[in-house]
């Protein structure tokens, strides 16, 4: 089993020189919390961290400063998330059809049970993602700026990790890049694969803004 931790972004929306995956959260960098969740859920999992090459040295410095004990392989990210994931997949040399999860480095609050359930279900369904139902009302915009109400029961909010058979990922990521690819499920779906969904955990937010970081800190302090 593998997990590709996508940490190739520069996190400019945070307003920091340091990418958001490296910002301190409850005493250690965000990305360390993320990796530790996977190690707790699946102790034998192999972790691949995809980083912007500009931060390779910074990653090594963080590991030393915080005595980070888990052995992770590292590969270079690309100009788009698609290419970062593609590089992570290419770094897996296995011929066996392993199960591979792909996870945002800035989602440190994914639950251990959700991780375990996703990997277990992928043994049966090949492509499994976590989702939640929205609680807010939803409106759909058209091209002219007008909107109409949507039935929120017909909408699901998608999270990571998204988990797939390795052979399926290799096939999907041999496709040309398309700007419509918003996540790994959309890439896999484009090559004809049905996506299976299971319930995620609502705490599994993507840390994108300073408010998100404060919310995550509050949850970890409970």
C-alpha atoms as a PDB file:
ATOM      1  CA  UNK A   1       0.000   0.000   0.000  1.00  0.00           C
ATOM      2  CA  UNK A   2       1.088   3.527  -0.810  1.00  0.00           C
ATOM      3  CA  UNK A   3      -0.017   7.066  -0.190  1.00  0.00           C
ATOM      4  CA  UNK A   4       1.114  10.006  -2.311  1.00  0.00           C
ATOM      5  CA  UNK A   5       1.071  13.174  -0.206  1.00  0.00           C
ATOM      6  CA  UNK A   6       0.697  16.096  -2.597  1.00  0.00           C
ATOM      7  CA  UNK A   7       2.636  19.045  -1.173  1.00  0.00           C
ATOM      8  CA  UNK A   8       3.885  20.755  -4.305  1.00  0.00           C
ATOM      9  CA  UNK A   9       2.066  24.055  -3.895  1.00  0.00           C
ATOM     10  CA  UNK A  10       3.469  27.331  -2.590  1.00  0.00           C
ATOM     11  CA  UNK A  11       0.358  28.226  -0.569  1.00  0.00           C
ATOM     12  CA  UNK A  12       0.240  31.899  -1.514  1.00  0.00           C
ATOM     13  CA  UNK A  13      -3.315  32.397  -0.242  1.00  0.00           C
ATOM     14  CA  UNK A  14      -1.988  32.154   3.298  1.00  0.00           C
ATOM     15  CA  UNK A  15       0.087  35.293   2.790  1.00  0.00           C
ATOM     16  CA  UNK A  16       3.238  33.533   4.041  1.00  0.00           C
ATOM     17  CA  UNK A  17       6.615  32.934   2.430  1.00  0.00           C
ATOM     18  CA  UNK A  18       6.403  29.379   3.776  1.00  0.00           C
ATOM     19  CA  UNK A  19       3.934  27.041   2.025  1.00  0.00           C
ATOM     20  CA  UNK A  20       0.913  26.178   4.138  1.00  0.00           C
ATOM     21  CA  UNK A  21       1.841  22.487   4.400  1.00  0.00           C
ATOM     22  CA  UNK A  22       4.900  23.539   6.432  1.00  0.00           C
ATOM     23  CA  UNK A  23       3.176  26.011   8.756  1.00  0.00           C
ATOM     24  CA  UNK A  24       3.092  25.140  12.474  1.00  0.00           C
ATOM     25  CA  UNK A  25      -0.052  23.432  13.732  1.00  0.00           C
ATOM     26  CA  UNK A  26      -0.340  22.277  17.327  1.00  0.00           C
ATOM     27  CA  UNK A  27       3.415  22.126  17.785  1.00  0.00           C
ATOM     28  CA  UNK A  28       4.608  20.721  14.458  1.00  0.00           C
ATOM     29  CA  UNK A  29       4.248  21.296  10.697  1.00  0.00           C
ATOM     30  CA  UNK A  30       0.874  20.580   9.111  1.00  0.00           C
ATOM     31  CA  UNK A  31       2.321  17.905   6.823  1.00  0.00           C
ATOM     32  CA  UNK A  32       3.699  15.916   9.776  1.00  0.00           C
ATOM     33  CA  UNK A  33       0.204  15.621  11.245  1.00  0.00           C
ATOM     34  CA  UNK A  34      -1.029  14.422   7.852  1.00  0.00           C
ATOM     35  CA  UNK A  35       1.612  11.712   7.487  1.00  0.00           C
ATOM     36  CA  UNK A  36       1.141  10.567  11.079  1.00  0.00           C
ATOM     37  CA  UNK A  37      -2.577   9.963  10.452  1.00  0.00           C
ATOM     38  CA  UNK A  38      -1.700   7.499   7.697  1.00  0.00           C
ATOM     39  CA  UNK A  39       0.989   5.783   9.749  1.00  0.00           C
ATOM     40  CA  UNK A  40      -1.481   5.364  12.608  1.00  0.00           C
ATOM     41  CA  UNK A  41      -4.161   3.967  10.295  1.00  0.00           C
ATOM     42  CA  UNK A  42      -1.902   1.680   8.227  1.00  0.00           C
ATOM     43  CA  UNK A  43       1.525   1.203   9.852  1.00  0.00           C
ATOM     44  CA  UNK A  44       2.989  -0.639   6.844  1.00  0.00           C
ATOM     45  CA  UNK A  45       2.017   1.988   4.286  1.00  0.00           C
ATOM     46  CA  UNK A  46       4.734   3.500   2.084  1.00  0.00           C
ATOM     47  CA  UNK A  47       4.643   7.299   1.975  1.00  0.00           C
ATOM     48  CA  UNK A  48       5.670   9.367  -1.063  1.00  0.00           C
ATOM     49  CA  UNK A  49       5.857  13.123  -0.520  1.00  0.00           C
ATOM     50  CA  UNK A  50       5.631  15.253  -3.667  1.00  0.00           C
ATOM     51  CA  UNK A  51       7.370  18.596  -3.098  1.00  0.00           C
ATOM     52  CA  UNK A  52       8.322  21.671  -5.042  1.00  0.00           C
ATOM     53  CA  UNK A  53      12.081  21.150  -5.589  1.00  0.00           C
ATOM     54  CA  UNK A  54      12.715  24.591  -4.082  1.00  0.00           C
ATOM     55  CA  UNK A  55      11.715  23.121  -0.714  1.00  0.00           C
ATOM     56  CA  UNK A  56      13.678  19.846  -0.709  1.00  0.00           C
ATOM     57  CA  UNK A  57      16.308  21.275   1.625  1.00  0.00           C
ATOM     58  CA  UNK A  58      13.653  22.867   3.833  1.00  0.00           C
ATOM     59  CA  UNK A  59      11.901  19.486   4.156  1.00  0.00           C
ATOM     60  CA  UNK A  60      15.133  17.853   5.329  1.00  0.00           C
ATOM     61  CA  UNK A  61      15.695  20.671   7.812  1.00  0.00           C
ATOM     62  CA  UNK A  62      12.174  20.267   9.231  1.00  0.00           C
ATOM     63  CA  UNK A  63      12.649  16.516   9.661  1.00  0.00           C
ATOM     64  CA  UNK A  64      15.837  17.126  11.622  1.00  0.00           C
ATOM     65  CA  UNK A  65      14.410  19.934  13.744  1.00  0.00           C
ATOM     66  CA  UNK A  66      11.333  17.966  14.759  1.00  0.00           C
ATOM     67  CA  UNK A  67      13.020  14.525  14.887  1.00  0.00           C
ATOM     68  CA  UNK A  68      10.468  13.234  12.397  1.00  0.00           C
ATOM     69  CA  UNK A  69      10.922   9.480  12.546  1.00  0.00           C
ATOM     70  CA  UNK A  70       8.948   8.190   9.566  1.00  0.00           C
ATOM     71  CA  UNK A  71      10.802   7.198   6.418  1.00  0.00           C
ATOM     72  CA  UNK A  72       9.229   8.914   3.398  1.00  0.00           C
ATOM     73  CA  UNK A  73      10.443   9.004  -0.173  1.00  0.00           C
ATOM     74  CA  UNK A  74      10.365  12.369  -1.923  1.00  0.00           C
ATOM     75  CA  UNK A  75       9.829  13.312  -5.546  1.00  0.00           C
ATOM     76  CA  UNK A  76       9.518  16.587  -7.427  1.00  0.00           C
ATOM     77  CA  UNK A  77       6.178  18.236  -8.057  1.00  0.00           C
ATOM     78  CA  UNK A  78       5.083  19.658 -11.394  1.00  0.00           C
ATOM     79  CA  UNK A  79       3.547  22.851 -12.724  1.00  0.00           C
ATOM     80  CA  UNK A  80       0.008  21.573 -11.993  1.00  0.00           C
ATOM     81  CA  UNK A  81      -1.360  19.148  -9.416  1.00  0.00           C
ATOM     82  CA  UNK A  82      -1.943  16.679 -12.276  1.00  0.00           C
ATOM     83  CA  UNK A  83       1.777  16.550 -13.036  1.00  0.00           C
ATOM     84  CA  UNK A  84       2.708  16.322  -9.355  1.00  0.00           C
ATOM     85  CA  UNK A  85       0.497  13.258  -8.920  1.00  0.00           C
ATOM     86  CA  UNK A  86       1.790  11.796 -12.184  1.00  0.00           C
ATOM     87  CA  UNK A  87       5.360  12.126 -10.873  1.00  0.00           C
ATOM     88  CA  UNK A  88       4.352  10.434  -7.628  1.00  0.00           C
ATOM     89  CA  UNK A  89       2.809   7.519  -9.522  1.00  0.00           C
ATOM     90  CA  UNK A  90       5.897   7.200 -11.743  1.00  0.00           C
ATOM     91  CA  UNK A  91       8.078   6.858  -8.641  1.00  0.00           C
ATOM     92  CA  UNK A  92       6.310   3.578  -7.718  1.00  0.00           C
ATOM     93  CA  UNK A  93       8.324   0.759  -9.251  1.00  0.00           C
ATOM     94  CA  UNK A  94       6.009  -2.082  -8.187  1.00  0.00           C
ATOM     95  CA  UNK A  95       4.739  -4.525 -10.797  1.00  0.00           C
ATOM     96  CA  UNK A  96       2.106  -5.789  -8.362  1.00  0.00           C
ATOM     97  CA  UNK A  97      -1.228  -3.954  -8.574  1.00  0.00           C
ATOM     98  CA  UNK A  98      -0.897  -2.099  -5.301  1.00  0.00           C
ATOM     99  CA  UNK A  99      -3.486   0.145  -3.685  1.00  0.00           C
ATOM    100  CA  UNK A 100      -2.469   3.805  -3.825  1.00  0.00           C
ATOM    101  CA  UNK A 101      -4.052   6.736  -2.016  1.00  0.00           C
ATOM    102  CA  UNK A 102      -3.581  10.345  -3.062  1.00  0.00           C
ATOM    103  CA  UNK A 103      -3.980  12.942  -0.350  1.00  0.00           C
ATOM    104  CA  UNK A 104      -3.630  16.690   0.073  1.00  0.00           C
ATOM    105  CA  UNK A 105      -0.813  17.504   2.497  1.00  0.00           C
ATOM    106  CA  UNK A 106      -2.999  20.250   3.964  1.00  0.00           C
ATOM    107  CA  UNK A 107      -5.743  17.870   5.126  1.00  0.00           C
ATOM    108  CA  UNK A 108      -4.227  16.806   8.472  1.00  0.00           C
ATOM    109  CA  UNK A 109      -7.554  15.952  10.126  1.00  0.00           C
ATOM    110  CA  UNK A 110      -8.645  12.988   8.038  1.00  0.00           C
ATOM    111  CA  UNK A 111      -9.792  10.290  10.433  1.00  0.00           C
ATOM    112  CA  UNK A 112      -7.979   7.014  10.894  1.00  0.00           C
ATOM    113  CA  UNK A 113     -11.227   5.099  10.318  1.00  0.00           C
ATOM    114  CA  UNK A 114     -11.901   6.861   7.025  1.00  0.00           C
ATOM    115  CA  UNK A 115      -8.403   5.993   5.792  1.00  0.00           C
ATOM    116  CA  UNK A 116      -8.834   2.341   6.739  1.00  0.00           C
ATOM    117  CA  UNK A 117     -12.289   2.153   5.150  1.00  0.00           C
ATOM    118  CA  UNK A 118     -11.086   3.690   1.895  1.00  0.00           C
ATOM    119  CA  UNK A 119      -8.225   1.227   1.472  1.00  0.00           C
ATOM    120  CA  UNK A 120     -10.439  -1.726   2.408  1.00  0.00           C
ATOM    121  CA  UNK A 121     -13.141  -0.729  -0.085  1.00  0.00           C
ATOM    122  CA  UNK A 122     -10.593  -0.257  -2.878  1.00  0.00           C
ATOM    123  CA  UNK A 123      -9.897  -3.988  -2.718  1.00  0.00           C
ATOM    124  CA  UNK A 124     -13.444  -4.414  -4.043  1.00  0.00           C
ATOM    125  CA  UNK A 125     -14.164  -1.337  -6.154  1.00  0.00           C
ATOM    126  CA  UNK A 126     -10.831  -0.082  -7.605  1.00  0.00           C
ATOM    127  CA  UNK A 127     -11.624   3.646  -7.156  1.00  0.00           C
ATOM    128  CA  UNK A 128     -12.988   4.981  -3.860  1.00  0.00           C
ATOM    129  CA  UNK A 129     -13.317   8.543  -2.559  1.00  0.00           C
ATOM    130  CA  UNK A 130     -14.672  10.161   0.637  1.00  0.00           C
ATOM    131  CA  UNK A 131     -17.581  12.590   0.412  1.00  0.00           C
ATOM    132  CA  UNK A 132     -19.874  14.572   2.682  1.00  0.00           C
ATOM    133  CA  UNK A 133     -23.285  16.125   2.150  1.00  0.00           C
ATOM    134  CA  UNK A 134     -23.470  19.931   2.271  1.00  0.00           C
ATOM    135  CA  UNK A 135     -25.478  21.570   5.040  1.00  0.00           C
ATOM    136  CA  UNK A 136     -25.690  25.039   3.459  1.00  0.00           C
ATOM    137  CA  UNK A 137     -28.102  26.010   0.707  1.00  0.00           C
ATOM    138  CA  UNK A 138     -26.588  25.873  -2.782  1.00  0.00           C
ATOM    139  CA  UNK A 139     -27.106  28.039  -5.854  1.00  0.00           C
ATOM    140  CA  UNK A 140     -25.829  27.306  -9.358  1.00  0.00           C
ATOM    141  CA  UNK A 141     -24.359  30.158 -11.414  1.00  0.00           C
ATOM    142  CA  UNK A 142     -24.845  30.401 -15.163  1.00  0.00           C
ATOM    143  CA  UNK A 143     -22.523  32.155 -17.591  1.00  0.00           C
ATOM    144  CA  UNK A 144     -24.368  35.477 -17.310  1.00  0.00           C
ATOM    145  CA  UNK A 145     -24.016  35.788 -13.538  1.00  0.00           C
ATOM    146  CA  UNK A 146     -27.561  34.689 -12.745  1.00  0.00           C
ATOM    147  CA  UNK A 147     -28.194  31.857 -10.311  1.00  0.00           C
ATOM    148  CA  UNK A 148     -30.816  29.300  -9.401  1.00  0.00           C
ATOM    149  CA  UNK A 149     -31.395  27.199  -6.314  1.00  0.00           C
ATOM    150  CA  UNK A 150     -30.178  23.599  -6.348  1.00  0.00           C
ATOM    151  CA  UNK A 151     -31.370  20.642  -4.347  1.00  0.00           C
ATOM    152  CA  UNK A 152     -28.465  20.033  -1.984  1.00  0.00           C
ATOM    153  CA  UNK A 153     -29.491  16.370  -1.724  1.00  0.00           C
ATOM    154  CA  UNK A 154     -28.117  16.002  -5.254  1.00  0.00           C
ATOM    155  CA  UNK A 155     -24.699  17.403  -4.321  1.00  0.00           C
ATOM    156  CA  UNK A 156     -21.721  15.830  -2.552  1.00  0.00           C
ATOM    157  CA  UNK A 157     -18.573  17.551  -1.292  1.00  0.00           C
ATOM    158  CA  UNK A 158     -15.449  15.627  -2.236  1.00  0.00           C
ATOM    159  CA  UNK A 159     -12.395  15.166  -0.006  1.00  0.00           C
ATOM    160  CA  UNK A 160      -9.128  13.268  -0.079  1.00  0.00           C
ATOM    161  CA  UNK A 161      -7.570  10.743   0.277  1.00  0.00           C
ATOM    162  CA  UNK A 162      -8.816   9.282  -2.979  1.00  0.00           C
ATOM    163  CA  UNK A 163      -7.743   5.680  -3.309  1.00  0.00           C
ATOM    164  CA  UNK A 164      -7.225   3.582  -6.450  1.00  0.00           C
ATOM    165  CA  UNK A 165      -5.619   0.478  -7.863  1.00  0.00           C
ATOM    166  CA  UNK A 166      -2.167   1.321  -9.217  1.00  0.00           C
ATOM    167  CA  UNK A 167      -2.910  -0.067 -12.696  1.00  0.00           C
ATOM    168  CA  UNK A 168      -5.922   2.225 -12.953  1.00  0.00           C
ATOM    169  CA  UNK A 169      -3.889   5.272 -11.920  1.00  0.00           C
ATOM    170  CA  UNK A 170      -1.201   4.483 -14.478  1.00  0.00           C
ATOM    171  CA  UNK A 171      -3.830   4.251 -17.208  1.00  0.00           C
ATOM    172  CA  UNK A 172      -5.642   7.422 -16.102  1.00  0.00           C
ATOM    173  CA  UNK A 173      -2.508   9.534 -15.802  1.00  0.00           C
ATOM    174  CA  UNK A 174      -1.341   8.533 -19.272  1.00  0.00           C
ATOM    175  CA  UNK A 175      -4.078  10.866 -20.566  1.00  0.00           C
ATOM    176  CA  UNK A 176      -3.162  14.413 -21.615  1.00  0.00           C
ATOM    177  CA  UNK A 177      -3.718  17.086 -18.988  1.00  0.00           C
ATOM    178  CA  UNK A 178      -7.145  18.725 -19.069  1.00  0.00           C
ATOM    179  CA  UNK A 179      -7.948  21.885 -17.052  1.00  0.00           C
ATOM    180  CA  UNK A 180     -11.268  20.243 -16.152  1.00  0.00           C
ATOM    181  CA  UNK A 181      -9.381  17.750 -13.966  1.00  0.00           C
ATOM    182  CA  UNK A 182     -10.097  19.078 -10.472  1.00  0.00           C
ATOM    183  CA  UNK A 183      -9.048  15.983  -8.523  1.00  0.00           C
ATOM    184  CA  UNK A 184      -7.815  12.454  -9.065  1.00  0.00           C
ATOM    185  CA  UNK A 185     -11.330  11.020  -9.333  1.00  0.00           C
ATOM    186  CA  UNK A 186     -12.041  13.301 -12.288  1.00  0.00           C
ATOM    187  CA  UNK A 187      -8.874  12.041 -14.017  1.00  0.00           C
ATOM    188  CA  UNK A 188      -9.785   8.402 -13.379  1.00  0.00           C
ATOM    189  CA  UNK A 189     -13.416   8.941 -14.388  1.00  0.00           C
ATOM    190  CA  UNK A 190     -12.289  10.423 -17.711  1.00  0.00           C
ATOM    191  CA  UNK A 191     -10.870   7.059 -18.727  1.00  0.00           C
ATOM    192  CA  UNK A 192     -14.200   5.308 -18.101  1.00  0.00           C
ATOM    193  CA  UNK A 193     -13.913   4.155 -14.477  1.00  0.00           C
ATOM    194  CA  UNK A 194     -16.883   4.325 -12.113  1.00  0.00           C
ATOM    195  CA  UNK A 195     -16.116   6.054  -8.813  1.00  0.00           C
ATOM    196  CA  UNK A 196     -17.340   4.551  -5.535  1.00  0.00           C
ATOM    197  CA  UNK A 197     -18.065   6.945  -2.660  1.00  0.00           C
ATOM    198  CA  UNK A 198     -18.003   6.415   1.078  1.00  0.00           C
ATOM    199  CA  UNK A 199     -18.718   8.805   3.916  1.00  0.00           C
ATOM    200  CA  UNK A 200     -15.814  11.029   4.903  1.00  0.00           C
ATOM    201  CA  UNK A 201     -15.345  12.958   8.140  1.00  0.00           C
ATOM    202  CA  UNK A 202     -16.425  16.591   8.321  1.00  0.00           C
ATOM    203  CA  UNK A 203     -13.312  17.594  10.278  1.00  0.00           C
ATOM    204  CA  UNK A 204     -11.200  16.722   7.220  1.00  0.00           C
ATOM    205  CA  UNK A 205     -10.931  20.308   6.014  1.00  0.00           C
ATOM    206  CA  UNK A 206      -8.409  21.559   3.497  1.00  0.00           C
ATOM    207  CA  UNK A 207      -6.264  24.208   5.172  1.00  0.00           C
ATOM    208  CA  UNK A 208      -6.229  27.051   2.675  1.00  0.00           C
ATOM    209  CA  UNK A 209      -6.674  30.256   4.706  1.00  0.00           C
ATOM    210  CA  UNK A 210      -5.550  31.499   8.153  1.00  0.00           C
ATOM    211  CA  UNK A 211      -9.090  30.845   9.445  1.00  0.00           C
ATOM    212  CA  UNK A 212      -8.769  27.185   8.440  1.00  0.00           C
ATOM    213  CA  UNK A 213      -5.515  26.934  10.367  1.00  0.00           C
ATOM    214  CA  UNK A 214      -7.149  28.375  13.495  1.00  0.00           C
ATOM    215  CA  UNK A 215     -10.051  25.941  13.138  1.00  0.00           C
ATOM    216  CA  UNK A 216      -7.672  22.974  12.829  1.00  0.00           C
ATOM    217  CA  UNK A 217      -5.742  24.173  15.881  1.00  0.00           C
ATOM    218  CA  UNK A 218      -8.988  24.334  17.837  1.00  0.00           C
ATOM    219  CA  UNK A 219      -9.941  20.783  16.851  1.00  0.00           C
ATOM    220  CA  UNK A 220      -6.538  19.371  17.778  1.00  0.00           C
ATOM    221  CA  UNK A 221      -6.665  21.164  21.145  1.00  0.00           C
ATOM    222  CA  UNK A 222      -9.861  19.399  22.200  1.00  0.00           C
END
